[in-house]
Amino acid sequence: MQWTNRPVVDSHHARVGKVTDVLYANEGDEPRFATVKTGLLVERITPLKGAYVAGDGVLVLPYDEQTIKHAPKAPRNHVLTPAVAHEVAAHFALT
């Protein structure tokens, strides 16, 4: 599946940006997180758990717009370090 440049909407189907990259877990082929460009120069990391691709090809995230737009910024190299993973988990209340 092609992820990059896919439009992203929140749980209310409000447009929040587009996918610029996906991050995979070490133990599988399923992407775990997406980097979403939410502004001119801003990319945020969002979990893909509970997300789905709608019939029109839009990625629907199970979070509201403000939660997505205030998510941790993606590092320039898009590498999910343990510190960044902890910050993302805390922001999205992941367990």
Protein backbone atom coordinates (compact mmCIF):
# COMPACT_ATOMS: atom_id res chain seq x y z
CA MET A 1 0.00 0.00 0.00
CA GLN A 2 1.26 3.46 -0.87
CA TRP A 3 1.22 5.63 2.26
CA THR A 4 3.10 8.80 1.34
CA ASN A 5 1.08 11.80 0.16
CA ARG A 6 -2.15 10.14 1.33
CA PRO A 7 -4.55 12.76 2.77
CA VAL A 8 -5.23 12.43 6.51
CA VAL A 9 -8.44 13.29 8.35
CA ASP A 10 -9.35 13.13 12.01
CA SER A 11 -12.11 11.10 13.65
CA HIS A 12 -14.65 13.75 12.55
CA HIS A 13 -13.33 13.66 8.96
CA ALA A 14 -11.74 17.11 9.23
CA ARG A 15 -8.61 17.32 7.06
CA VAL A 16 -5.43 17.56 9.13
CA GLY A 17 -2.67 17.00 6.60
CA LYS A 18 -0.96 14.31 4.57
CA VAL A 19 1.28 11.34 5.26
CA THR A 20 4.97 11.99 4.60
CA ASP A 21 6.37 8.72 5.97
CA VAL A 22 5.51 5.59 7.96
CA LEU A 23 7.50 3.96 10.73
CA TYR A 24 7.57 0.19 11.15
CA ALA A 25 8.03 -1.93 14.25
CA ASN A 26 11.05 -4.20 14.39
CA GLU A 27 8.93 -7.31 14.67
CA GLY A 28 6.70 -7.04 11.62
CA ASP A 29 5.76 -5.56 8.31
CA GLU A 30 2.82 -3.52 9.58
CA PRO A 31 3.44 0.20 9.92
CA ARG A 32 2.99 1.38 13.52
CA PHE A 33 3.23 5.17 13.17
CA ALA A 34 2.83 7.79 10.48
CA THR A 35 4.46 11.17 10.13
CA VAL A 36 1.78 13.64 9.14
CA LYS A 37 2.55 17.04 7.68
CA THR A 38 0.11 19.30 9.51
CA GLY A 39 1.51 22.67 8.51
CA LEU A 40 3.95 24.35 6.18
CA LEU A 41 7.05 23.01 7.96
CA VAL A 42 5.54 20.87 10.72
CA GLU A 43 5.41 17.07 10.80
CA ARG A 44 3.83 15.16 13.70
CA ILE A 45 4.09 11.49 14.67
CA THR A 46 0.76 9.70 15.05
CA PRO A 47 0.01 6.07 15.88
CA LEU A 48 -1.76 4.02 13.23
CA LYS A 49 -3.53 1.76 15.76
CA GLY A 50 -7.25 2.08 15.04
CA ALA A 51 -6.67 3.99 11.81
CA TYR A 52 -8.18 2.90 8.50
CA VAL A 53 -8.17 3.88 4.85
CA ALA A 54 -11.60 5.03 3.69
CA GLY A 55 -13.04 4.11 0.30
CA ASP A 56 -11.81 7.39 -1.18
CA GLY A 57 -8.21 6.60 -0.14
CA VAL A 58 -8.08 9.01 2.80
CA LEU A 59 -6.36 7.84 5.99
CA VAL A 60 -8.74 8.26 8.93
CA LEU A 61 -7.05 8.57 12.32
CA PRO A 62 -9.06 7.81 15.48
CA TYR A 63 -8.11 11.12 17.13
CA ASP A 64 -9.47 14.65 16.96
CA GLU A 65 -7.74 17.39 15.00
CA GLN A 66 -6.24 19.16 18.03
CA THR A 67 -4.76 15.94 19.42
CA ILE A 68 -3.09 15.26 16.07
CA LYS A 69 -1.86 18.82 15.58
CA HIS A 70 -0.35 18.91 19.08
CA ALA A 71 1.32 15.49 18.80
CA PRO A 72 5.10 15.29 19.20
CA LYS A 73 7.05 16.71 16.29
CA ALA A 74 8.69 14.16 14.03
CA PRO A 75 12.50 14.14 14.15
CA ARG A 76 14.09 15.33 10.91
CA ASN A 77 15.37 11.82 10.18
CA HIS A 78 12.00 10.20 11.01
CA VAL A 79 13.68 7.73 13.37
CA LEU A 80 11.53 6.72 16.31
CA THR A 81 13.93 6.69 19.25
CA PRO A 82 12.82 5.28 22.62
CA ALA A 83 12.47 8.85 23.95
CA VAL A 84 10.26 9.92 21.04
CA ALA A 85 8.24 6.69 21.27
CA HIS A 86 7.63 7.40 24.97
CA GLU A 87 6.53 10.96 24.19
CA VAL A 88 4.11 9.74 21.49
CA ALA A 89 2.72 7.02 23.76
CA ALA A 90 2.14 9.54 26.55
CA HIS A 91 0.46 12.07 24.22
CA PHE A 92 -1.93 9.53 22.74
CA ALA A 93 -2.40 7.61 26.04
CA LEU A 94 -1.15 4.37 24.50
CA THR A 95 -0.49 1.40 26.74
